């Protein structure tokens, strides 16, 4: 699986508590920016849309 590029959340803190997101054609990936070697969570497009809607409340 090829990842286009990771970007930090705009809500990341200055103390380094960050999540990174990689947009994929089929959805998105998220990971802890401090420990990227631990892997990522995958969301298909519908799941990602629901996740974003719920955290924006």
PDB file of N, CA and C in Angstrom:
ATOM      1  N   UNK A   1       0.840  -1.165   0.000  1.00  0.00           N
ATOM      2  CA  UNK A   1       0.000   0.000   0.000  1.00  0.00           C
ATOM      3  C   UNK A   1       0.895   1.242   0.000  1.00  0.00           C
ATOM      4  N   UNK A   2       0.689   2.094  -0.946  1.00  0.00           N
ATOM      5  CA  UNK A   2       1.487   3.316  -1.049  1.00  0.00           C
ATOM      6  C   UNK A   2       0.756   4.467  -0.368  1.00  0.00           C
ATOM      7  N   UNK A   3       1.455   5.158   0.519  1.00  0.00           N
ATOM      8  CA  UNK A   3       0.881   6.292   1.241  1.00  0.00           C
ATOM      9  C   UNK A   3       1.416   7.566   0.613  1.00  0.00           C
ATOM     10  N   UNK A   4       0.504   8.451   0.209  1.00  0.00           N
ATOM     11  CA  UNK A   4       0.896   9.689  -0.469  1.00  0.00           C
ATOM     12  C   UNK A   4       1.731  10.591   0.430  1.00  0.00           C
ATOM     13  N   UNK A   5       1.392  10.670   1.683  1.00  0.00           N
ATOM     14  CA  UNK A   5       2.134  11.510   2.605  1.00  0.00           C
ATOM     15  C   UNK A   5       1.355  11.722   3.884  1.00  0.00           C
ATOM     16  N   UNK A   6       2.075  11.778   4.962  1.00  0.00           N
ATOM     17  CA  UNK A   6       1.456  11.986   6.264  1.00  0.00           C
ATOM     18  C   UNK A   6       1.461  13.473   6.582  1.00  0.00           C
ATOM     19  N   UNK A   7       0.394  13.951   7.231  1.00  0.00           N
ATOM     20  CA  UNK A   7       0.343  15.341   7.698  1.00  0.00           C
ATOM     21  C   UNK A   7      -0.171  15.338   9.126  1.00  0.00           C
ATOM     22  N   UNK A   8       0.331  16.287   9.918  1.00  0.00           N
ATOM     23  CA  UNK A   8      -0.109  16.390  11.309  1.00  0.00           C
ATOM     24  C   UNK A   8      -1.460  17.060  11.386  1.00  0.00           C
ATOM     25  N   UNK A   9      -2.229  16.648  12.357  1.00  0.00           N
ATOM     26  CA  UNK A   9      -3.523  17.253  12.601  1.00  0.00           C
ATOM     27  C   UNK A   9      -3.348  18.729  12.943  1.00  0.00           C
ATOM     28  N   UNK A  10      -4.266  19.550  12.505  1.00  0.00           N
ATOM     29  CA  UNK A  10      -4.220  20.982  12.838  1.00  0.00           C
ATOM     30  C   UNK A  10      -4.530  21.206  14.315  1.00  0.00           C
ATOM     31  N   UNK A  11      -5.005  20.178  14.997  1.00  0.00           N
ATOM     32  CA  UNK A  11      -5.308  20.275  16.426  1.00  0.00           C
ATOM     33  C   UNK A  11      -4.199  19.702  17.300  1.00  0.00           C
ATOM     34  N   UNK A  12      -3.054  19.408  16.729  1.00  0.00           N
ATOM     35  CA  UNK A  12      -1.928  18.872  17.494  1.00  0.00           C
ATOM     36  C   UNK A  12      -1.409  19.926  18.456  1.00  0.00           C
ATOM     37  N   UNK A  13      -0.877  19.468  19.574  1.00  0.00           N
ATOM     38  CA  UNK A  13      -0.385  20.395  20.590  1.00  0.00           C
ATOM     39  C   UNK A  13       1.099  20.673  20.407  1.00  0.00           C
ATOM     40  N   UNK A  14       1.543  21.757  21.002  1.00  0.00           N
ATOM     41  CA  UNK A  14       2.958  22.122  20.938  1.00  0.00           C
ATOM     42  C   UNK A  14       3.837  21.134  21.705  1.00  0.00           C
ATOM     43  N   UNK A  15       3.243  20.401  22.652  1.00  0.00           N
ATOM     44  CA  UNK A  15       4.014  19.440  23.444  1.00  0.00           C
ATOM     45  C   UNK A  15       4.268  18.139  22.692  1.00  0.00           C
ATOM     46  N   UNK A  16       3.806  18.054  21.459  1.00  0.00           N
ATOM     47  CA  UNK A  16       4.107  16.890  20.645  1.00  0.00           C
ATOM     48  C   UNK A  16       3.051  15.807  20.651  1.00  0.00           C
ATOM     49  N   UNK A  17       1.910  16.073  21.265  1.00  0.00           N
ATOM     50  CA  UNK A  17       0.827  15.093  21.255  1.00  0.00           C
ATOM     51  C   UNK A  17       0.088  15.239  19.932  1.00  0.00           C
ATOM     52  N   UNK A  18       0.489  14.448  18.962  1.00  0.00           N
ATOM     53  CA  UNK A  18      -0.002  14.634  17.597  1.00  0.00           C
ATOM     54  C   UNK A  18      -0.492  13.334  16.991  1.00  0.00           C
ATOM     55  N   UNK A  19      -1.460  13.474  16.131  1.00  0.00           N
ATOM     56  CA  UNK A  19      -1.827  12.376  15.255  1.00  0.00           C
ATOM     57  C   UNK A  19      -1.529  12.832  13.838  1.00  0.00           C
ATOM     58  N   UNK A  20      -1.193  11.877  13.004  1.00  0.00           N
ATOM     59  CA  UNK A  20      -0.929  12.164  11.604  1.00  0.00           C
ATOM     60  C   UNK A  20      -1.972  11.447  10.764  1.00  0.00           C
ATOM     61  N   UNK A  21      -2.323  12.060   9.657  1.00  0.00           N
ATOM     62  CA  UNK A  21      -3.323  11.515   8.743  1.00  0.00           C
ATOM     63  C   UNK A  21      -2.713  11.384   7.359  1.00  0.00           C
ATOM     64  N   UNK A  22      -3.035  10.311   6.691  1.00  0.00           N
ATOM     65  CA  UNK A  22      -2.659  10.127   5.288  1.00  0.00           C
ATOM     66  C   UNK A  22      -3.940   9.846   4.519  1.00  0.00           C
ATOM     67  N   UNK A  23      -4.262  10.718   3.576  1.00  0.00           N
ATOM     68  CA  UNK A  23      -5.445  10.514   2.741  1.00  0.00           C
ATOM     69  C   UNK A  23      -5.143   9.444   1.708  1.00  0.00           C
ATOM     70  N   UNK A  24      -6.071   8.541   1.549  1.00  0.00           N
ATOM     71  CA  UNK A  24      -5.952   7.457   0.578  1.00  0.00           C
ATOM     72  C   UNK A  24      -7.146   7.536  -0.366  1.00  0.00           C
ATOM     73  N   UNK A  25      -7.006   6.959  -1.513  1.00  0.00           N
ATOM     74  CA  UNK A  25      -8.103   6.944  -2.476  1.00  0.00           C
ATOM     75  C   UNK A  25      -9.339   6.263  -1.887  1.00  0.00           C
ATOM     76  N   UNK A  26      -9.113   5.253  -1.071  1.00  0.00           N
ATOM     77  CA  UNK A  26     -10.222   4.488  -0.503  1.00  0.00           C
ATOM     78  C   UNK A  26     -10.605   4.916   0.910  1.00  0.00           C
ATOM     79  N   UNK A  27      -9.977   5.962   1.463  1.00  0.00           N
ATOM     80  CA  UNK A  27     -10.272   6.405   2.817  1.00  0.00           C
ATOM     81  C   UNK A  27      -9.110   7.159   3.420  1.00  0.00           C
ATOM     82  N   UNK A  28      -8.730   6.780   4.638  1.00  0.00           N
ATOM     83  CA  UNK A  28      -7.642   7.475   5.316  1.00  0.00           C
ATOM     84  C   UNK A  28      -6.956   6.547   6.317  1.00  0.00           C
ATOM     85  N   UNK A  29      -5.723   6.912   6.666  1.00  0.00           N
ATOM     86  CA  UNK A  29      -4.947   6.214   7.691  1.00  0.00           C
ATOM     87  C   UNK A  29      -4.627   7.234   8.780  1.00  0.00           C
ATOM     88  N   UNK A  30      -4.584   6.800  10.037  1.00  0.00           N
ATOM     89  CA  UNK A  30      -4.140   7.682  11.119  1.00  0.00           C
ATOM     90  C   UNK A  30      -3.129   6.930  11.972  1.00  0.00           C
ATOM     91  N   UNK A  31      -2.182   7.693  12.548  1.00  0.00           N
ATOM     92  CA  UNK A  31      -1.165   7.090  13.411  1.00  0.00           C
ATOM     93  C   UNK A  31      -0.683   8.124  14.431  1.00  0.00           C
ATOM     94  N   UNK A  32      -0.002   7.645  15.441  1.00  0.00           N
ATOM     95  CA  UNK A  32       0.623   8.487  16.455  1.00  0.00           C
ATOM     96  C   UNK A  32       1.937   9.002  15.877  1.00  0.00           C
ATOM     97  N   UNK A  33       2.102  10.304  15.815  1.00  0.00           N
ATOM     98  CA  UNK A  33       3.313  10.861  15.197  1.00  0.00           C
ATOM     99  C   UNK A  33       4.577  10.563  15.994  1.00  0.00           C
ATOM    100  N   UNK A  34       4.438  10.311  17.297  1.00  0.00           N
ATOM    101  CA  UNK A  34       5.612  10.014  18.115  1.00  0.00           C
ATOM    102  C   UNK A  34       6.052   8.565  18.006  1.00  0.00           C
ATOM    103  N   UNK A  35       5.145   7.696  17.567  1.00  0.00           N
ATOM    104  CA  UNK A  35       5.471   6.269  17.471  1.00  0.00           C
ATOM    105  C   UNK A  35       4.928   5.680  16.170  1.00  0.00           C
ATOM    106  N   UNK A  36       5.351   6.198  15.027  1.00  0.00           N
ATOM    107  CA  UNK A  36       4.807   5.707  13.760  1.00  0.00           C
ATOM    108  C   UNK A  36       5.133   4.238  13.491  1.00  0.00           C
ATOM    109  N   UNK A  37       6.164   3.735  14.117  1.00  0.00           N
ATOM    110  CA  UNK A  37       6.550   2.337  13.908  1.00  0.00           C
ATOM    111  C   UNK A  37       5.519   1.356  14.476  1.00  0.00           C
ATOM    112  N   UNK A  38       4.609   1.845  15.317  1.00  0.00           N
ATOM    113  CA  UNK A  38       3.581   0.979  15.894  1.00  0.00           C
ATOM    114  C   UNK A  38       2.432   0.705  14.925  1.00  0.00           C
ATOM    115  N   UNK A  39       2.443   1.371  13.788  1.00  0.00           N
ATOM    116  CA  UNK A  39       1.418   1.108  12.787  1.00  0.00           C
ATOM    117  C   UNK A  39       0.372   2.214  12.715  1.00  0.00           C
ATOM    118  N   UNK A  40      -0.737   1.896  12.083  1.00  0.00           N
ATOM    119  CA  UNK A  40      -1.776   2.882  11.838  1.00  0.00           C
ATOM    120  C   UNK A  40      -3.149   2.227  11.900  1.00  0.00           C
ATOM    121  N   UNK A  41      -4.169   3.063  11.973  1.00  0.00           N
ATOM    122  CA  UNK A  41      -5.552   2.624  11.858  1.00  0.00           C
ATOM    123  C   UNK A  41      -6.030   2.975  10.462  1.00  0.00           C
ATOM    124  N   UNK A  42      -6.777   2.080   9.848  1.00  0.00           N
ATOM    125  CA  UNK A  42      -7.299   2.306   8.498  1.00  0.00           C
ATOM    126  C   UNK A  42      -8.794   2.557   8.559  1.00  0.00           C
ATOM    127  N   UNK A  43      -9.247   3.521   7.790  1.00  0.00           N
ATOM    128  CA  UNK A  43     -10.670   3.832   7.671  1.00  0.00           C
ATOM    129  C   UNK A  43     -11.036   3.841   6.192  1.00  0.00           C
ATOM    130  N   UNK A  44     -12.097   3.122   5.812  1.00  0.00           N
ATOM    131  CA  UNK A  44     -12.608   3.255   4.448  1.00  0.00           C
ATOM    132  C   UNK A  44     -13.383   4.568   4.383  1.00  0.00           C
ATOM    133  N   UNK A  45     -13.680   5.047   3.203  1.00  0.00           N
ATOM    134  CA  UNK A  45     -14.258   6.379   3.012  1.00  0.00           C
ATOM    135  C   UNK A  45     -15.474   6.649   3.889  1.00  0.00           C
ATOM    136  N   UNK A  46     -16.427   5.748   3.922  1.00  0.00           N
ATOM    137  CA  UNK A  46     -17.629   5.957   4.736  1.00  0.00           C
ATOM    138  C   UNK A  46     -17.322   6.048   6.218  1.00  0.00           C
ATOM    139  N   UNK A  47     -16.442   5.188   6.701  1.00  0.00           N
ATOM    140  CA  UNK A  47     -16.047   5.224   8.114  1.00  0.00           C
ATOM    141  C   UNK A  47     -15.342   6.529   8.447  1.00  0.00           C
ATOM    142  N   UNK A  48     -14.442   6.972   7.557  1.00  0.00           N
ATOM    143  CA  UNK A  48     -13.685   8.195   7.778  1.00  0.00           C
ATOM    144  C   UNK A  48     -14.630   9.400   7.854  1.00  0.00           C
ATOM    145  N   UNK A  49     -15.613   9.448   6.983  1.00  0.00           N
ATOM    146  CA  UNK A  49     -16.585  10.547   6.995  1.00  0.00           C
ATOM    147  C   UNK A  49     -17.366  10.565   8.301  1.00  0.00           C
ATOM    148  N   UNK A  50     -17.792   9.393   8.767  1.00  0.00           N
ATOM    149  CA  UNK A  50     -18.516   9.313  10.037  1.00  0.00           C
ATOM    150  C   UNK A  50     -17.625   9.704  11.216  1.00  0.00           C
ATOM    151  N   UNK A  51     -16.373   9.265  11.198  1.00  0.00           N
ATOM    152  CA  UNK A  51     -15.423   9.630  12.257  1.00  0.00           C
ATOM    153  C   UNK A  51     -15.247  11.141  12.318  1.00  0.00           C
ATOM    154  N   UNK A  52     -14.994  11.760  11.170  1.00  0.00           N
ATOM    155  CA  UNK A  52     -14.803  13.212  11.146  1.00  0.00           C
ATOM    156  C   UNK A  52     -16.034  13.954  11.614  1.00  0.00           C
ATOM    157  N   UNK A  53     -17.200  13.514  11.204  1.00  0.00           N
ATOM    158  CA  UNK A  53     -18.450  14.160  11.640  1.00  0.00           C
ATOM    159  C   UNK A  53     -18.610  14.063  13.156  1.00  0.00           C
ATOM    160  N   UNK A  54     -18.232  12.934  13.746  1.00  0.00           N
ATOM    161  CA  UNK A  54     -18.404  12.764  15.189  1.00  0.00           C
ATOM    162  C   UNK A  54     -17.400  13.572  16.002  1.00  0.00           C
ATOM    163  N   UNK A  55     -16.188  13.755  15.515  1.00  0.00           N
ATOM    164  CA  UNK A  55     -15.204  14.515  16.295  1.00  0.00           C
ATOM    165  C   UNK A  55     -15.358  16.024  16.106  1.00  0.00           C
ATOM    166  N   UNK A  56     -16.098  16.436  15.092  1.00  0.00           N
ATOM    167  CA  UNK A  56     -16.314  17.864  14.861  1.00  0.00           C
ATOM    168  C   UNK A  56     -17.479  18.415  15.656  1.00  0.00           C
ATOM    169  N   UNK A  57     -18.209  17.559  16.375  1.00  0.00           N
ATOM    170  CA  UNK A  57     -19.366  18.018  17.156  1.00  0.00           C
ATOM    171  C   UNK A  57     -18.986  18.917  18.282  1.00  0.00           C
TER     172      UNK A  57
END
